[in-house]
Amino acid sequence: RMSKVVIHRGVVYTSGQTAADAGDCVEKQTKSCLAKIDALLAEAGTSKSNALNATIWLKDIEADFKRMNGVWNEWVEADNKPTRATVQAAMARPSILVEIQVTAALPE
């Protein structure tokens, strides 16, 4: 069991989002993950404009980092670049190429 989003003391924590249903392309999966994160942040009353931190897990960092990072750079706002860690990890299912988790502040 887990929550998709938790708010605690003005900070919004999203669960890791995946998008294996978006096909076998890391760009499509990344775009889908970030769209899910946008929706969760909006549901919680915030947005990527208030992002504080992100963690990104890639199934194959050697093959997919550059393409994932291109999508990330299009998504992230120039005025608010959160801290980020990106690592390679074994995924829960073979079809998952990327998983993304974002932490954001609620607007003041």
C-alpha atoms as a PDB file:
ATOM      1  CA  ARG A   1       0.000   0.000   0.000  1.00  0.00           C
ATOM      2  CA  MET A   2       1.080   3.539  -0.689  1.00  0.00           C
ATOM      3  CA  SER A   3      -0.211   7.012  -1.360  1.00  0.00           C
ATOM      4  CA  LYS A   4       0.314   8.689  -4.707  1.00  0.00           C
ATOM      5  CA  VAL A   5       0.811  12.024  -2.961  1.00  0.00           C
ATOM      6  CA  VAL A   6       1.330  13.118   0.657  1.00  0.00           C
ATOM      7  CA  ILE A   7       1.357  16.659   2.046  1.00  0.00           C
ATOM      8  CA  HIS A   8       3.221  17.344   5.270  1.00  0.00           C
ATOM      9  CA  ARG A   9       3.984  20.777   6.721  1.00  0.00           C
ATOM     10  CA  GLY A  10       3.759  22.563   3.408  1.00  0.00           C
ATOM     11  CA  VAL A  11       5.756  20.018   1.422  1.00  0.00           C
ATOM     12  CA  VAL A  12       4.232  17.755  -1.243  1.00  0.00           C
ATOM     13  CA  TYR A  13       5.770  14.323  -1.780  1.00  0.00           C
ATOM     14  CA  THR A  14       4.787  12.324  -4.837  1.00  0.00           C
ATOM     15  CA  SER A  15       5.272   8.598  -5.168  1.00  0.00           C
ATOM     16  CA  GLY A  16       7.479   7.358  -7.972  1.00  0.00           C
ATOM     17  CA  GLN A  17       5.617   7.536 -11.275  1.00  0.00           C
ATOM     18  CA  THR A  18       6.112   5.058 -14.099  1.00  0.00           C
ATOM     19  CA  ALA A  19       4.635   4.761 -17.562  1.00  0.00           C
ATOM     20  CA  ALA A  20       5.283   1.324 -19.023  1.00  0.00           C
ATOM     21  CA  ASP A  21       1.984   1.714 -20.895  1.00  0.00           C
ATOM     22  CA  ALA A  22       3.605   4.533 -22.930  1.00  0.00           C
ATOM     23  CA  GLY A  23       5.624   2.018 -24.937  1.00  0.00           C
ATOM     24  CA  ASP A  24       9.263   1.041 -25.101  1.00  0.00           C
ATOM     25  CA  CYS A  25      10.651   4.534 -25.728  1.00  0.00           C
ATOM     26  CA  VAL A  26      12.288   6.333 -22.801  1.00  0.00           C
ATOM     27  CA  GLU A  27      11.206   9.748 -24.121  1.00  0.00           C
ATOM     28  CA  LYS A  28       7.539   8.743 -24.228  1.00  0.00           C
ATOM     29  CA  GLN A  29       7.752   7.117 -20.796  1.00  0.00           C
ATOM     30  CA  THR A  30       9.474  10.201 -19.344  1.00  0.00           C
ATOM     31  CA  LYS A  31       6.843  12.558 -20.806  1.00  0.00           C
ATOM     32  CA  SER A  32       4.082  10.373 -19.396  1.00  0.00           C
ATOM     33  CA  CYS A  33       5.728  10.212 -15.954  1.00  0.00           C
ATOM     34  CA  LEU A  34       6.092  13.995 -15.863  1.00  0.00           C
ATOM     35  CA  ALA A  35       2.461  14.487 -16.960  1.00  0.00           C
ATOM     36  CA  LYS A  36       1.377  12.251 -14.068  1.00  0.00           C
ATOM     37  CA  ILE A  37       3.555  14.283 -11.706  1.00  0.00           C
ATOM     38  CA  ASP A  38       2.028  17.536 -13.016  1.00  0.00           C
ATOM     39  CA  ALA A  39      -1.432  16.128 -12.262  1.00  0.00           C
ATOM     40  CA  LEU A  40      -0.465  14.976  -8.760  1.00  0.00           C
ATOM     41  CA  LEU A  41       1.127  18.316  -7.933  1.00  0.00           C
ATOM     42  CA  ALA A  42      -1.980  20.154  -9.188  1.00  0.00           C
ATOM     43  CA  GLU A  43      -4.197  17.868  -7.104  1.00  0.00           C
ATOM     44  CA  ALA A  44      -2.103  18.824  -4.068  1.00  0.00           C
ATOM     45  CA  GLY A  45      -2.339  22.554  -4.840  1.00  0.00           C
ATOM     46  CA  THR A  46       1.111  23.195  -6.256  1.00  0.00           C
ATOM     47  CA  SER A  47       3.093  22.799  -9.485  1.00  0.00           C
ATOM     48  CA  LYS A  48       6.541  22.180 -10.898  1.00  0.00           C
ATOM     49  CA  SER A  49       7.172  25.890 -10.296  1.00  0.00           C
ATOM     50  CA  ASN A  50       7.606  24.920  -6.645  1.00  0.00           C
ATOM     51  CA  ALA A  51       9.597  21.717  -7.181  1.00  0.00           C
ATOM     52  CA  LEU A  52      12.369  21.211  -4.633  1.00  0.00           C
ATOM     53  CA  ASN A  53      13.845  17.826  -5.496  1.00  0.00           C
ATOM     54  CA  ALA A  54      13.524  14.975  -7.970  1.00  0.00           C
ATOM     55  CA  THR A  55      14.809  11.431  -8.040  1.00  0.00           C
ATOM     56  CA  ILE A  56      14.988   9.614 -11.353  1.00  0.00           C
ATOM     57  CA  TRP A  57      15.638   5.906 -11.749  1.00  0.00           C
ATOM     58  CA  LEU A  58      16.630   4.581 -15.166  1.00  0.00           C
ATOM     59  CA  LYS A  59      16.696   0.943 -16.194  1.00  0.00           C
ATOM     60  CA  ASP A  60      19.716   1.576 -18.440  1.00  0.00           C
ATOM     61  CA  ILE A  61      21.473   4.856 -17.657  1.00  0.00           C
ATOM     62  CA  GLU A  62      24.071   4.358 -20.390  1.00  0.00           C
ATOM     63  CA  ALA A  63      21.465   3.966 -23.134  1.00  0.00           C
ATOM     64  CA  ASP A  64      18.732   6.302 -21.883  1.00  0.00           C
ATOM     65  CA  PHE A  65      20.198   9.181 -19.840  1.00  0.00           C
ATOM     66  CA  LYS A  66      20.644  11.637 -22.715  1.00  0.00           C
ATOM     67  CA  ARG A  67      17.143  11.096 -24.130  1.00  0.00           C
ATOM     68  CA  MET A  68      15.476  11.209 -20.700  1.00  0.00           C
ATOM     69  CA  ASN A  69      17.456  14.345 -19.827  1.00  0.00           C
ATOM     70  CA  GLY A  70      16.268  16.073 -23.008  1.00  0.00           C
ATOM     71  CA  VAL A  71      12.644  15.548 -21.982  1.00  0.00           C
ATOM     72  CA  TRP A  72      13.445  16.634 -18.411  1.00  0.00           C
ATOM     73  CA  ASN A  73      15.077  19.852 -19.645  1.00  0.00           C
ATOM     74  CA  GLU A  74      11.966  20.699 -21.684  1.00  0.00           C
ATOM     75  CA  TRP A  75       9.739  20.086 -18.636  1.00  0.00           C
ATOM     76  CA  VAL A  76      11.675  21.846 -15.893  1.00  0.00           C
ATOM     77  CA  GLU A  77      11.179  25.597 -15.582  1.00  0.00           C
ATOM     78  CA  ALA A  78      14.190  27.845 -16.167  1.00  0.00           C
ATOM     79  CA  ASP A  79      13.343  29.880 -13.054  1.00  0.00           C
ATOM     80  CA  ASN A  80      13.073  26.845 -10.795  1.00  0.00           C
ATOM     81  CA  LYS A  81      15.509  24.011 -11.288  1.00  0.00           C
ATOM     82  CA  PRO A  82      15.084  21.486  -8.451  1.00  0.00           C
ATOM     83  CA  THR A  83      17.923  19.414  -7.101  1.00  0.00           C
ATOM     84  CA  ARG A  84      18.032  16.008  -8.746  1.00  0.00           C
ATOM     85  CA  ALA A  85      19.601  12.598  -8.464  1.00  0.00           C
ATOM     86  CA  THR A  86      19.567  10.166 -11.375  1.00  0.00           C
ATOM     87  CA  VAL A  87      20.656   6.565 -10.944  1.00  0.00           C
ATOM     88  CA  GLN A  88      20.398   3.218 -12.668  1.00  0.00           C
ATOM     89  CA  ALA A  89      18.141   0.700 -10.961  1.00  0.00           C
ATOM     90  CA  ALA A  90      16.422  -2.630 -11.467  1.00  0.00           C
ATOM     91  CA  MET A  91      12.764  -1.889 -12.182  1.00  0.00           C
ATOM     92  CA  ALA A  92       9.667  -3.593 -10.805  1.00  0.00           C
ATOM     93  CA  ARG A  93       8.680  -4.767 -14.307  1.00  0.00           C
ATOM     94  CA  PRO A  94      10.828  -5.293 -17.414  1.00  0.00           C
ATOM     95  CA  SER A  95       8.759  -2.798 -19.441  1.00  0.00           C
ATOM     96  CA  ILE A  96       9.534   0.131 -17.093  1.00  0.00           C
ATOM     97  CA  LEU A  97      12.417   2.232 -18.409  1.00  0.00           C
ATOM     98  CA  VAL A  98      12.140   5.231 -16.060  1.00  0.00           C
ATOM     99  CA  GLU A  99      10.595   6.148 -12.710  1.00  0.00           C
ATOM    100  CA  ILE A 100      10.399   9.719 -11.399  1.00  0.00           C
ATOM    101  CA  GLN A 101       9.578  11.095  -7.953  1.00  0.00           C
ATOM    102  CA  VAL A 102       9.231  14.832  -7.211  1.00  0.00           C
ATOM    103  CA  THR A 103       9.012  16.773  -3.960  1.00  0.00           C
ATOM    104  CA  ALA A 104       7.547  20.297  -4.087  1.00  0.00           C
ATOM    105  CA  ALA A 105       6.568  23.100  -1.747  1.00  0.00           C
ATOM    106  CA  LEU A 106       3.037  24.406  -1.464  1.00  0.00           C
ATOM    107  CA  PRO A 107       2.763  28.042  -2.605  1.00  0.00           C
ATOM    108  CA  GLU A 108       3.139  30.585   0.166  1.00  0.00           C
END
